[in-house]
Amino acid sequence: MGGNMQKMMKQIQKMQAEIERIQLELGNDRVEGTAGGGAVRAVADGHQSFVEIHIDPAAVDPDDVEMLQDLVMAACNEAIRKSKQLAESKMAKVTGSISVPGLKL
């Protein structure tokens, strides 16, 4: 019984190290969301934090600020969706179908 427990603990430690490595990697990964044919571009890292927002000056119409706001929102939402998918995909390679409480995706 003790041998199985040691083996399981080693597997858990290996999984934990791999999760930590992926978390670091996700901080360096970049995904992009665009809207308005690329007039607005939002870039997020693998932790769902925005790292860049680009707005083409041609998209800025003082008479239609609401459209620009909608474009920024759409680009940001797309970037966050892609970031979550990336994180889930990378973590699934390590955890499979195991649910890890407290794991920040």
Protein backbone atom coordinates (compact mmCIF):
# COMPACT_ATOMS: atom_id res chain seq x y z
CA MET A 1 0.00 0.00 0.00
CA GLY A 2 2.86 2.41 0.85
CA GLY A 3 4.46 1.92 -2.57
CA ASN A 4 1.25 2.83 -4.33
CA MET A 5 0.88 5.94 -2.18
CA GLN A 6 4.45 7.04 -2.97
CA LYS A 7 3.86 6.44 -6.67
CA MET A 8 0.64 8.46 -6.54
CA MET A 9 2.37 11.31 -4.68
CA LYS A 10 5.13 11.41 -7.31
CA GLN A 11 2.50 11.56 -10.05
CA ILE A 12 0.72 14.40 -8.25
CA GLN A 13 3.99 16.30 -7.83
CA LYS A 14 4.79 15.81 -11.50
CA MET A 15 1.32 17.07 -12.48
CA GLN A 16 1.69 20.06 -10.17
CA ALA A 17 5.04 20.97 -11.72
CA GLU A 18 3.55 20.67 -15.21
CA ILE A 19 0.59 22.89 -14.23
CA GLU A 20 2.99 25.52 -12.85
CA ARG A 21 5.01 25.38 -16.10
CA ILE A 22 1.84 25.84 -18.16
CA GLN A 23 0.69 28.75 -15.96
CA LEU A 24 3.99 30.52 -16.67
CA GLU A 25 3.68 29.73 -20.36
CA LEU A 26 0.14 31.11 -20.46
CA GLY A 27 1.43 34.41 -19.13
CA ASN A 28 3.59 34.69 -22.24
CA ASP A 29 0.99 33.43 -24.73
CA ARG A 30 -0.96 35.96 -26.78
CA VAL A 31 -4.35 35.69 -28.45
CA GLU A 32 -6.09 38.33 -30.49
CA GLY A 33 -9.65 39.43 -30.99
CA THR A 34 -10.63 41.81 -33.76
CA ALA A 35 -13.72 43.73 -34.80
CA GLY A 36 -14.69 46.05 -37.59
CA GLY A 37 -12.51 44.24 -40.13
CA GLY A 38 -9.46 44.74 -37.93
CA ALA A 39 -10.18 48.37 -37.08
CA VAL A 40 -10.09 47.36 -33.41
CA ARG A 41 -7.73 44.70 -32.12
CA ALA A 42 -7.53 43.43 -28.54
CA VAL A 43 -4.64 41.23 -27.41
CA ALA A 44 -4.86 39.15 -24.23
CA ASP A 45 -2.49 36.75 -22.52
CA GLY A 46 -3.36 33.22 -21.45
CA HIS A 47 -4.57 34.50 -18.07
CA GLN A 48 -7.36 36.59 -19.63
CA SER A 49 -5.56 39.88 -19.05
CA PHE A 50 -5.41 42.44 -21.83
CA VAL A 51 -1.90 43.36 -22.87
CA GLU A 52 -2.67 45.55 -25.90
CA ILE A 53 -5.57 47.42 -27.46
CA HIS A 54 -5.18 48.88 -30.96
CA ILE A 55 -7.68 51.25 -32.55
CA ASP A 56 -7.28 52.39 -36.13
CA PRO A 57 -7.71 56.18 -36.15
CA ALA A 58 -10.14 55.76 -39.07
CA ALA A 59 -12.49 53.96 -36.66
CA VAL A 60 -12.77 57.04 -34.46
CA ASP A 61 -15.88 58.99 -35.42
CA PRO A 62 -16.76 61.61 -32.79
CA ASP A 63 -20.35 61.50 -34.04
CA ASP A 64 -20.63 57.74 -33.47
CA VAL A 65 -18.77 56.89 -30.26
CA GLU A 66 -21.22 54.06 -29.55
CA MET A 67 -20.04 52.12 -32.62
CA LEU A 68 -16.42 52.39 -31.50
CA GLN A 69 -17.42 51.23 -28.02
CA ASP A 70 -19.21 48.24 -29.55
CA LEU A 71 -16.15 47.37 -31.67
CA VAL A 72 -13.85 47.53 -28.65
CA MET A 73 -16.24 45.36 -26.63
CA ALA A 74 -16.51 42.80 -29.44
CA ALA A 75 -12.74 42.59 -29.91
CA CYS A 76 -12.18 42.24 -26.16
CA ASN A 77 -14.82 39.53 -25.80
CA GLU A 78 -13.29 37.56 -28.69
CA ALA A 79 -9.80 37.83 -27.18
CA ILE A 80 -11.00 36.65 -23.76
CA ARG A 81 -12.92 33.73 -25.32
CA LYS A 82 -9.79 32.66 -27.21
CA SER A 83 -7.66 33.06 -24.09
CA LYS A 84 -9.96 30.83 -22.06
CA GLN A 85 -9.99 28.21 -24.82
CA LEU A 86 -6.19 28.27 -24.96
CA ALA A 87 -5.84 27.86 -21.19
CA GLU A 88 -8.42 25.07 -21.05
CA SER A 89 -6.76 23.24 -23.93
CA LYS A 90 -3.30 23.42 -22.37
CA MET A 91 -4.52 22.38 -18.93
CA ALA A 92 -6.58 19.50 -20.31
CA LYS A 93 -3.37 17.98 -21.68
CA VAL A 94 -2.12 17.69 -18.10
CA THR A 95 -5.25 17.19 -16.04
CA GLY A 96 -7.42 15.30 -18.50
CA SER A 97 -10.90 15.28 -17.07
CA ILE A 98 -9.70 15.81 -13.48
CA SER A 99 -11.18 18.85 -11.80
CA VAL A 100 -8.49 20.70 -9.86
CA PRO A 101 -10.03 22.90 -7.13
CA GLY A 102 -8.53 26.38 -6.98
CA LEU A 103 -6.90 26.07 -10.41
CA LYS A 104 -7.00 29.46 -12.09
CA LEU A 105 -7.83 29.09 -15.77
